[in-house]
N, C-alpha and C. Protein backbone atom coordinates (compact mmCIF):
# COMPACT_ATOMS: atom_id res chain seq x y z
N UNK A 1 6.84 11.39 -7.79
CA UNK A 1 7.55 11.55 -6.07
C UNK A 1 6.49 12.40 -5.11
N UNK A 2 5.36 13.36 -6.12
CA UNK A 2 4.59 13.97 -5.04
C UNK A 2 3.57 13.19 -4.43
N UNK A 3 3.04 11.96 -4.81
CA UNK A 3 2.49 11.07 -4.73
C UNK A 3 2.63 10.22 -3.42
N UNK A 4 4.02 9.67 -3.45
CA UNK A 4 4.80 8.80 -2.51
C UNK A 4 4.39 10.00 -1.19
N UNK A 5 4.76 11.22 -1.42
CA UNK A 5 5.55 12.32 -0.10
C UNK A 5 3.99 12.16 0.73
N UNK A 6 2.89 12.36 -0.47
CA UNK A 6 1.18 12.57 0.16
C UNK A 6 1.07 11.55 1.19
N UNK A 7 1.78 10.35 0.89
CA UNK A 7 0.86 8.83 1.25
C UNK A 7 2.29 8.29 1.93
N UNK A 8 3.31 9.15 2.39
CA UNK A 8 4.25 8.90 3.92
C UNK A 8 4.94 7.65 2.95
N UNK A 9 5.24 7.45 1.77
CA UNK A 9 5.98 6.03 1.65
C UNK A 9 7.21 6.63 1.93
N UNK A 10 7.95 5.86 2.51
CA UNK A 10 9.42 5.49 3.15
C UNK A 10 10.28 4.53 2.53
N UNK A 11 9.62 3.69 2.32
CA UNK A 11 10.59 2.67 2.01
C UNK A 11 9.65 1.64 0.64
N UNK A 12 10.55 0.97 0.17
CA UNK A 12 10.48 0.37 -1.05
C UNK A 12 10.12 -1.15 -0.94
N UNK A 13 9.58 -2.03 -0.99
CA UNK A 13 8.34 -1.74 -1.43
C UNK A 13 6.70 -1.46 -0.29
N UNK A 14 6.21 -0.94 -1.20
CA UNK A 14 5.40 -0.57 0.02
C UNK A 14 3.57 -0.41 -1.08
N UNK A 15 2.73 -1.57 -0.22
CA UNK A 15 1.61 -1.43 -1.09
C UNK A 15 0.52 -0.54 -0.41
N UNK A 16 -0.46 0.42 -1.35
CA UNK A 16 -1.74 1.12 -0.50
C UNK A 16 -2.88 1.06 -1.28
N UNK A 17 -3.51 0.39 -0.87
CA UNK A 17 -4.90 -0.12 -0.95
C UNK A 17 -5.84 1.29 -1.06
N UNK A 18 -6.54 1.39 -2.12
CA UNK A 18 -7.60 2.87 -1.93
C UNK A 18 -9.06 2.46 -2.27
N UNK A 19 -10.02 3.24 -1.25
CA UNK A 19 -11.39 2.89 -2.12
C UNK A 19 -12.24 3.85 -2.13
N UNK A 20 -12.52 4.65 -2.66
CA UNK A 20 -13.07 5.81 -3.35
C UNK A 20 -12.38 7.01 -2.80
N UNK A 21 -11.03 6.82 -3.44
CA UNK A 21 -10.03 7.39 -3.67
C UNK A 21 -9.70 7.80 -1.87
N UNK A 22 -9.59 6.78 -1.34
CA UNK A 22 -9.38 7.01 -0.01
C UNK A 22 -8.47 5.43 0.51
N UNK A 23 -7.50 5.84 1.42
CA UNK A 23 -6.17 4.64 1.06
C UNK A 23 -7.26 3.95 2.32
N UNK A 24 -7.17 2.60 2.30
CA UNK A 24 -7.93 1.80 2.87
C UNK A 24 -6.82 0.89 3.96
N UNK A 25 -5.68 0.94 3.46
CA UNK A 25 -4.72 -0.39 4.11
C UNK A 25 -3.39 0.48 3.28
N UNK A 26 -2.15 -0.37 3.93
CA UNK A 26 -0.99 -0.42 3.47
C UNK A 26 -0.10 -0.87 3.80
N UNK A 27 1.22 -1.81 3.34
CA UNK A 27 2.20 -2.53 3.50
C UNK A 27 2.91 -2.53 3.17
N UNK A 28 4.03 -2.45 4.28
CA UNK A 28 5.28 -1.88 3.61
C UNK A 28 6.17 -3.43 3.99
N UNK A 29 7.12 -2.78 3.13
CA UNK A 29 7.81 -4.79 3.07
C UNK A 29 7.41 -5.62 2.33
N UNK A 30 8.50 -6.75 1.91
CA UNK A 30 8.02 -8.14 1.37
C UNK A 30 7.16 -8.37 1.64
N UNK A 31 5.94 -8.74 0.81
CA UNK A 31 5.18 -9.69 1.17
C UNK A 31 4.38 -10.89 0.42
N UNK A 32 3.72 -11.86 0.72
CA UNK A 32 3.18 -13.33 -0.21
C UNK A 32 2.50 -12.22 -0.70
N UNK A 33 2.06 -13.32 -2.45
CA UNK A 33 0.88 -13.13 -3.13
C UNK A 33 0.20 -12.97 -2.31
N UNK A 34 -0.04 -14.20 -1.53
CA UNK A 34 -1.81 -14.91 -0.82
C UNK A 34 -1.79 -13.32 0.49
N UNK A 35 -0.63 -12.94 0.81
CA UNK A 35 -0.97 -11.45 1.89
C UNK A 35 -1.57 -10.42 1.43
N UNK A 36 -1.05 -10.15 -0.23
CA UNK A 36 -1.55 -8.75 -0.93
C UNK A 36 -2.98 -9.10 -1.14
N UNK A 37 -3.29 -10.09 -1.44
CA UNK A 37 -4.15 -10.66 -2.03
C UNK A 37 -5.16 -10.52 -0.88
N UNK A 38 -5.15 -10.85 0.14
CA UNK A 38 -6.18 -10.77 1.76
C UNK A 38 -6.18 -9.18 2.02
N UNK A 39 -5.07 -8.57 1.65
CA UNK A 39 -5.43 -7.04 2.31
C UNK A 39 -6.40 -6.80 1.37
N UNK A 40 -6.30 -7.06 -0.06
CA UNK A 40 -7.31 -6.04 -0.74
C UNK A 40 -8.82 -7.22 -0.57
N UNK A 41 -9.19 -7.85 -0.04
CA UNK A 41 -10.36 -8.28 0.07
C UNK A 41 -11.22 -7.46 1.45
């Protein structure tokens, strides 16, 4: 729960991508597999 608050997650699904411990991208809402994979590149 604290992690969700720390990253301001207000709804599910929320996908947060981290690099070196820092948030580099955040997507809220339903997404396709392709959209999530593109976010991670």
